[in-house]
Amino acid sequence: MSYGRDVYDKALARLKERHDVCTMKANERRRALSEVNPRFGEIEAELRATSSGLFAALLSDKGMDAFNSVMEKNKALRAEREKLLADAGLDAHFLDDVYACSECRDEYYIDGKMCSCLKKELRAAAYEKLNASTRLKLTSFDDFDLGYYSDEIDETLGESPRSRMTDVLAFVKRYADEIKTRRDSLLFTGGTGLGKTHLSLAVAKEATDAGLGVIYDSVPSLMMKLENERFGRGDDGFCEAVCSCDLLILDDLGAEHSTAATRTFLYTIVNSRIMSELPTIISTNLSVSELSERYSDAVYSRLSGDYTPIWFCGSDIRLKKKLGIK
């Protein structure tokens, strides 16, 4: 995925904050030890002087002799510092510089290749930017209130909506708990206001807390962004990000304006993520038969064959909340 300057700046700013915290901790250790034994501070100052004097020694009249002399002094200072640390019951590396990333030592590149720490922050910053347009806040499973579902037996269901939704909640919670290893996708179906968006966002929260890259969007909004990218009006790499993020959550399938382009986009996203074994959650107000009528056989066969259907039931919770009833 290609990243804009703003994404790079945000990622690097976060990495610098972590580096600064590590530097502060290392300096605090040195300061504390110097207060207990001033010789620690003196050694640190002398080590800095010898390090900066190596190049000057090499260029002096005595050349390598002067250089080797500085190196010997540096070695002796380190040995003295190590003994002082041992006498204080501390590890020999207690005063070494501390880095947020031990792989690249906060240089963010290794042998000219981007370190995983920078890659991770770039992805996180990019996903935040992609998700910035959604006005929905992440919810949790704890505030999913089963009391809004009737406990009276529904003859069509053979059980009460509350009983059915209790099972749905348990299944989706288990799915979220295992999100790092899940490869299967879910299709949330059912009428408006039954909790599909709430549980989708609850899974998004768990995935985000687990450090995964999550993209959440409505299908109409997603299609508009893909169209903008297609015609050079949006961010490059958006389609790639949608197809490759750790978890994709699409809301309101069926509300988009159906065109040849949107149908192609939808097939590409659904198919590529199935092939890559990346989990996706799609919610829709359409019934299974309506999905069959609206979408091509290729799309429908993947939604019906490769997604686990989760049917939401009950009556409109949004309306109940607005009216203050359960």
Protein backbone atom coordinates (compact mmCIF):
# COMPACT_ATOMS: atom_id res chain seq x y z
CA MET A 1 0.00 0.00 0.00
CA SER A 2 1.30 3.47 -0.84
CA TYR A 3 1.17 6.10 1.90
CA GLY A 4 0.79 9.86 1.78
CA ARG A 5 3.10 12.30 3.56
CA ASP A 6 0.56 12.82 6.34
CA VAL A 7 0.51 9.09 7.13
CA TYR A 8 4.32 8.93 7.24
CA ASP A 9 4.49 12.00 9.48
CA LYS A 10 1.94 10.55 11.90
CA ALA A 11 3.70 7.17 12.06
CA LEU A 12 7.14 8.73 12.56
CA ALA A 13 5.78 11.09 15.23
CA ARG A 14 4.45 8.14 17.22
CA LEU A 15 7.72 6.25 16.90
CA LYS A 16 9.66 9.33 18.02
CA GLU A 17 7.42 9.66 21.07
CA ARG A 18 8.27 6.08 22.05
CA HIS A 19 11.96 6.70 21.44
CA ASP A 20 11.86 9.85 23.58
CA VAL A 21 10.23 7.92 26.43
CA CYS A 22 13.00 5.30 26.25
CA THR A 23 15.69 7.99 26.19
CA MET A 24 14.10 9.64 29.22
CA LYS A 25 14.12 6.33 31.11
CA ALA A 26 17.78 5.72 30.27
CA ASN A 27 18.75 9.25 31.34
CA GLU A 28 16.79 8.84 34.57
CA ARG A 29 18.76 5.68 35.35
CA ARG A 30 22.07 7.48 34.76
CA ARG A 31 20.97 10.44 36.86
CA ALA A 32 19.84 8.24 39.75
CA LEU A 33 23.11 6.26 39.79
CA SER A 34 25.20 9.43 39.58
CA GLU A 35 23.44 10.76 42.68
CA VAL A 36 24.30 7.56 44.56
CA ASN A 37 27.87 7.41 43.20
CA PRO A 38 29.20 10.49 41.35
CA ARG A 39 31.83 8.33 39.66
CA PHE A 40 29.10 6.95 37.36
CA GLY A 41 28.48 10.45 36.01
CA GLU A 42 32.18 11.07 35.57
CA ILE A 43 32.62 7.85 33.61
CA GLU A 44 29.67 8.67 31.34
CA ALA A 45 31.17 12.09 30.59
CA GLU A 46 34.61 10.60 29.89
CA LEU A 47 33.11 7.95 27.62
CA ARG A 48 31.37 10.64 25.58
CA ALA A 49 34.66 12.50 25.29
CA THR A 50 36.61 9.45 24.12
CA SER A 51 33.92 8.56 21.58
CA SER A 52 33.98 12.03 20.06
CA GLY A 53 37.81 12.07 20.16
CA LEU A 54 38.37 8.89 18.14
CA PHE A 55 38.19 10.54 14.72
CA ALA A 56 40.34 13.47 15.82
CA ALA A 57 42.97 11.06 17.20
CA LEU A 58 43.08 9.17 13.90
CA LEU A 59 43.76 12.43 12.01
CA SER A 60 46.42 13.61 14.46
CA ASP A 61 50.18 13.36 13.92
CA LYS A 62 50.36 10.12 15.91
CA GLY A 63 47.59 8.52 13.81
CA MET A 64 46.83 4.92 14.81
CA ASP A 65 48.87 5.18 18.00
CA ALA A 66 46.67 8.01 19.23
CA PHE A 67 43.55 6.17 18.07
CA ASN A 68 44.55 2.98 19.91
CA SER A 69 45.32 5.01 23.02
CA VAL A 70 41.81 6.49 23.03
CA MET A 71 40.33 3.01 22.45
CA GLU A 72 42.26 1.62 25.42
CA LYS A 73 41.00 4.43 27.63
CA ASN A 74 37.46 3.76 26.43
CA LYS A 75 37.84 0.06 27.21
CA ALA A 76 39.19 0.79 30.70
CA LEU A 77 36.30 3.17 31.45
CA ARG A 78 33.75 0.57 30.39
CA ALA A 79 35.42 -2.06 32.54
CA GLU A 80 35.37 0.29 35.53
CA ARG A 81 31.70 1.09 34.93
CA GLU A 82 30.84 -2.61 34.67
CA LYS A 83 32.59 -3.30 37.99
CA LEU A 84 30.74 -0.46 39.69
CA LEU A 85 27.46 -1.83 38.37
CA ALA A 86 28.30 -5.33 39.57
CA ASP A 87 29.21 -3.98 43.02
CA ALA A 88 25.79 -2.29 43.08
CA GLY A 89 24.09 -5.57 42.14
CA LEU A 90 23.09 -4.32 38.68
CA ASP A 91 23.35 -5.87 35.23
CA ALA A 92 26.31 -4.83 33.07
CA HIS A 93 23.92 -3.36 30.49
CA PHE A 94 21.88 -1.37 32.99
CA LEU A 95 23.18 1.95 31.63
CA ASP A 96 23.03 1.05 27.96
CA ASP A 97 20.80 3.10 25.69
CA VAL A 98 17.18 1.88 25.67
CA TYR A 99 15.31 1.49 22.37
CA ALA A 100 11.62 1.09 21.62
CA CYS A 101 12.55 -1.34 18.84
CA SER A 102 15.46 -3.66 19.53
CA GLU A 103 15.59 -4.76 15.89
CA CYS A 104 16.46 -1.41 14.27
CA ARG A 105 17.49 0.45 17.47
CA ASP A 106 14.98 3.17 16.58
CA GLU A 107 16.56 3.85 13.19
CA TYR A 108 13.39 2.45 11.49
CA TYR A 109 15.43 0.89 8.69
CA ILE A 110 17.75 -2.14 8.63
CA ASP A 111 20.25 -2.38 5.79
CA GLY A 112 18.13 -0.01 3.75
CA LYS A 113 14.92 -1.98 4.33
CA MET A 114 11.99 -0.69 6.36
CA CYS A 115 11.80 -2.19 9.84
CA SER A 116 8.65 -3.94 11.00
CA CYS A 117 8.09 -1.24 13.66
CA LEU A 118 7.68 1.45 11.00
CA LYS A 119 5.57 -0.84 8.80
CA LYS A 120 3.22 -1.48 11.71
CA GLU A 121 2.80 2.21 12.53
CA LEU A 122 2.27 3.13 8.87
CA ARG A 123 -0.51 0.56 8.60
CA ALA A 124 -2.12 1.78 11.84
CA ALA A 125 -2.00 5.42 10.74
CA ALA A 126 -3.36 4.54 7.31
CA TYR A 127 -6.28 2.57 8.75
CA GLU A 128 -7.12 5.42 11.12
CA LYS A 129 -7.23 7.78 8.16
CA LEU A 130 -9.40 5.39 6.18
CA ASN A 131 -11.79 5.02 9.11
CA ALA A 132 -11.90 8.73 9.94
CA SER A 133 -14.98 9.31 7.81
CA THR A 134 -17.20 7.01 9.86
CA ARG A 135 -19.10 8.83 12.60
CA LEU A 136 -19.81 5.64 14.49
CA LYS A 137 -17.99 4.98 17.73
CA LEU A 138 -16.69 1.57 18.67
CA THR A 139 -19.05 -0.23 21.04
CA SER A 140 -18.52 -3.17 23.37
CA PHE A 141 -20.27 -6.44 24.01
CA ASP A 142 -20.95 -5.36 27.58
CA ASP A 143 -23.47 -2.71 26.53
CA PHE A 144 -25.39 -5.02 24.20
CA ASP A 145 -28.69 -5.20 26.11
CA LEU A 146 -30.60 -8.44 25.56
CA GLY A 147 -33.49 -6.92 27.51
CA TYR A 148 -34.68 -5.23 24.31
CA TYR A 149 -35.52 -8.62 22.79
CA SER A 150 -38.81 -10.30 23.63
CA ASP A 151 -38.76 -13.44 25.76
CA GLU A 152 -42.06 -14.65 24.29
CA ILE A 153 -41.87 -17.70 22.04
CA ASP A 154 -41.95 -16.86 18.34
CA GLU A 155 -43.71 -19.69 16.50
CA THR A 156 -41.64 -19.11 13.38
CA LEU A 157 -38.40 -19.34 15.35
CA GLY A 158 -39.51 -22.05 17.71
CA GLU A 159 -37.93 -20.00 20.49
CA SER A 160 -37.98 -16.44 21.80
CA PRO A 161 -36.02 -13.64 20.09
CA ARG A 162 -34.14 -13.16 23.35
CA SER A 163 -33.06 -16.80 23.35
CA ARG A 164 -31.95 -16.60 19.73
CA MET A 165 -30.05 -13.36 20.26
CA THR A 166 -28.39 -14.74 23.40
CA ASP A 167 -26.89 -17.44 21.19
CA VAL A 168 -25.94 -14.86 18.54
CA LEU A 169 -24.19 -12.71 21.13
CA ALA A 170 -22.27 -15.69 22.53
CA PHE A 171 -21.16 -16.77 19.04
CA VAL A 172 -20.00 -13.32 17.97
CA LYS A 173 -18.17 -12.78 21.28
CA ARG A 174 -16.34 -16.06 20.78
CA TYR A 175 -15.50 -15.00 17.22
CA ALA A 176 -14.06 -11.72 18.52
CA ASP A 177 -12.04 -13.49 21.23
CA GLU A 178 -10.43 -15.63 18.51
CA ILE A 179 -10.12 -12.83 15.93
CA LYS A 180 -6.34 -13.17 15.59
CA THR A 181 -6.69 -16.71 14.31
CA ARG A 182 -10.08 -16.57 12.58
CA ARG A 183 -10.08 -16.97 8.81
CA ASP A 184 -13.83 -17.34 8.30
CA SER A 185 -16.26 -14.51 7.51
CA LEU A 186 -19.71 -13.63 8.84
CA LEU A 187 -22.87 -12.40 7.12
CA PHE A 188 -25.19 -10.52 9.49
CA THR A 189 -28.76 -10.47 8.15
CA GLY A 190 -32.01 -9.10 9.55
CA GLY A 191 -34.14 -5.99 9.68
CA THR A 192 -33.21 -2.48 10.72
CA GLY A 193 -32.26 -1.74 14.33
CA LEU A 194 -31.67 -5.32 15.49
CA GLY A 195 -28.07 -4.93 16.68
CA LYS A 196 -26.04 -5.84 13.58
CA THR A 197 -24.04 -2.62 13.62
CA HIS A 198 -23.56 -2.77 17.39
CA LEU A 199 -22.01 -6.24 17.29
CA SER A 200 -19.96 -5.39 14.19
CA LEU A 201 -18.42 -2.45 16.02
CA ALA A 202 -17.88 -4.56 19.14
CA VAL A 203 -15.83 -7.01 17.06
CA ALA A 204 -13.95 -4.05 15.54
CA LYS A 205 -13.06 -2.84 19.04
CA GLU A 206 -11.72 -6.23 20.08
CA ALA A 207 -9.70 -6.53 16.87
CA THR A 208 -8.31 -3.01 17.24
CA ASP A 209 -7.38 -3.68 20.88
CA ALA A 210 -5.59 -6.82 19.69
CA GLY A 211 -3.44 -4.71 17.37
CA LEU A 212 -5.07 -5.72 14.10
CA GLY A 213 -5.64 -3.41 11.16
CA VAL A 214 -9.38 -2.87 10.85
CA ILE A 215 -11.34 -1.03 8.17
CA TYR A 216 -14.99 -0.28 8.90
CA ASP A 217 -17.26 1.37 6.36
CA SER A 218 -20.73 1.24 4.86
CA VAL A 219 -20.94 -0.32 1.42
CA PRO A 220 -22.31 2.89 -0.21
CA SER A 221 -19.45 4.94 1.27
CA LEU A 222 -16.90 2.31 0.32
CA MET A 223 -18.07 2.24 -3.28
CA MET A 224 -17.83 6.03 -3.50
CA LYS A 225 -14.23 5.93 -2.23
CA LEU A 226 -13.30 3.21 -4.70
CA GLU A 227 -14.83 5.24 -7.50
CA ASN A 228 -12.81 8.28 -6.39
CA GLU A 229 -9.62 6.25 -6.39
CA ARG A 230 -10.45 4.86 -9.81
CA PHE A 231 -10.67 8.37 -11.25
CA GLY A 232 -7.70 9.75 -9.32
CA ARG A 233 -9.73 11.72 -6.78
CA GLY A 234 -8.90 9.67 -3.69
CA ASP A 235 -5.98 8.05 -1.88
CA ASP A 236 -3.87 5.65 -3.88
CA GLY A 237 -3.88 2.12 -2.49
CA PHE A 238 -7.34 2.30 -0.95
CA CYS A 239 -8.62 -0.78 -2.79
CA GLU A 240 -5.45 -2.64 -1.85
CA ALA A 241 -5.92 -1.71 1.80
CA VAL A 242 -9.54 -2.90 1.78
CA CYS A 243 -8.51 -6.22 0.25
CA SER A 244 -5.55 -6.79 2.57
CA CYS A 245 -6.47 -5.39 6.01
CA ASP A 246 -6.63 -7.85 8.91
CA LEU A 247 -10.38 -7.39 9.35
CA LEU A 248 -12.87 -5.71 7.02
CA ILE A 249 -16.34 -4.78 8.28
CA LEU A 250 -18.92 -3.61 5.75
CA ASP A 251 -22.28 -2.27 6.83
CA ASP A 252 -25.51 -1.90 4.88
CA LEU A 253 -24.90 -4.17 1.90
CA GLY A 254 -27.69 -3.56 -0.58
CA ALA A 255 -28.00 0.18 0.07
CA GLU A 256 -25.40 1.03 -2.58
CA HIS A 257 -26.35 2.21 -6.07
CA SER A 258 -25.88 -0.85 -8.25
CA THR A 259 -23.68 -0.28 -11.32
CA ALA A 260 -21.28 -2.41 -13.31
CA ALA A 261 -18.41 -0.79 -11.42
CA THR A 262 -19.86 -1.37 -7.93
CA ARG A 263 -20.65 -4.99 -8.79
CA THR A 264 -17.06 -5.48 -9.96
CA PHE A 265 -15.66 -3.79 -6.83
CA LEU A 266 -17.79 -5.96 -4.56
CA TYR A 267 -16.80 -9.19 -6.28
CA THR A 268 -13.11 -8.22 -6.21
CA ILE A 269 -13.19 -7.47 -2.49
CA VAL A 270 -15.20 -10.51 -1.45
CA ASN A 271 -13.29 -12.93 -3.66
CA SER A 272 -9.79 -11.64 -2.90
CA ARG A 273 -10.33 -11.75 0.85
CA ILE A 274 -11.69 -15.29 0.67
CA MET A 275 -8.68 -16.36 -1.38
CA SER A 276 -6.34 -14.65 1.12
CA GLU A 277 -8.22 -16.21 4.08
CA LEU A 278 -8.85 -12.80 5.64
CA PRO A 279 -11.98 -12.40 7.80
CA THR A 280 -14.78 -10.08 6.74
CA ILE A 281 -18.05 -9.16 8.42
CA ILE A 282 -20.85 -7.93 6.16
CA SER A 283 -24.23 -6.79 7.45
CA THR A 284 -27.36 -6.35 5.36
CA ASN A 285 -31.07 -5.70 5.77
CA LEU A 286 -31.74 -7.91 2.76
CA SER A 287 -33.01 -11.45 3.07
CA VAL A 288 -31.13 -14.36 1.51
CA SER A 289 -33.59 -14.46 -1.38
CA GLU A 290 -33.22 -10.71 -1.94
CA LEU A 291 -29.42 -11.09 -2.02
CA SER A 292 -29.84 -13.79 -4.66
CA GLU A 293 -31.98 -11.49 -6.79
CA ARG A 294 -29.77 -8.41 -6.41
CA TYR A 295 -26.28 -9.83 -6.92
CA SER A 296 -24.59 -11.96 -9.54
CA ASP A 297 -24.25 -15.70 -9.10
CA ALA A 298 -20.52 -15.24 -8.49
CA VAL A 299 -21.05 -12.83 -5.57
CA TYR A 300 -24.06 -14.64 -4.15
CA SER A 301 -22.34 -18.05 -4.23
CA ARG A 302 -19.45 -16.67 -2.17
CA LEU A 303 -21.69 -14.92 0.34
CA SER A 304 -23.88 -17.98 0.77
CA GLY A 305 -21.13 -20.59 0.56
CA ASP A 306 -18.10 -18.99 2.23
CA TYR A 307 -19.76 -16.79 4.88
CA THR A 308 -21.37 -18.02 8.08
CA PRO A 309 -24.90 -16.55 8.14
CA ILE A 310 -25.98 -14.93 11.42
CA TRP A 311 -29.68 -14.05 11.47
CA PHE A 312 -30.75 -11.21 13.78
CA CYS A 313 -34.36 -11.15 14.98
CA GLY A 314 -36.65 -9.10 17.19
CA SER A 315 -38.12 -5.64 16.75
CA ASP A 316 -36.43 -2.31 16.05
CA ILE A 317 -34.24 -1.53 19.07
CA ARG A 318 -33.40 1.97 17.87
CA LEU A 319 -37.09 2.83 17.91
CA LYS A 320 -37.53 1.28 21.36
CA LYS A 321 -34.63 3.31 22.73
CA LYS A 322 -36.05 6.46 21.21
CA LEU A 323 -39.42 5.76 22.81
CA GLY A 324 -37.81 4.70 26.08
CA ILE A 325 -39.38 1.24 26.11
CA LYS A 326 -38.15 -2.35 26.17
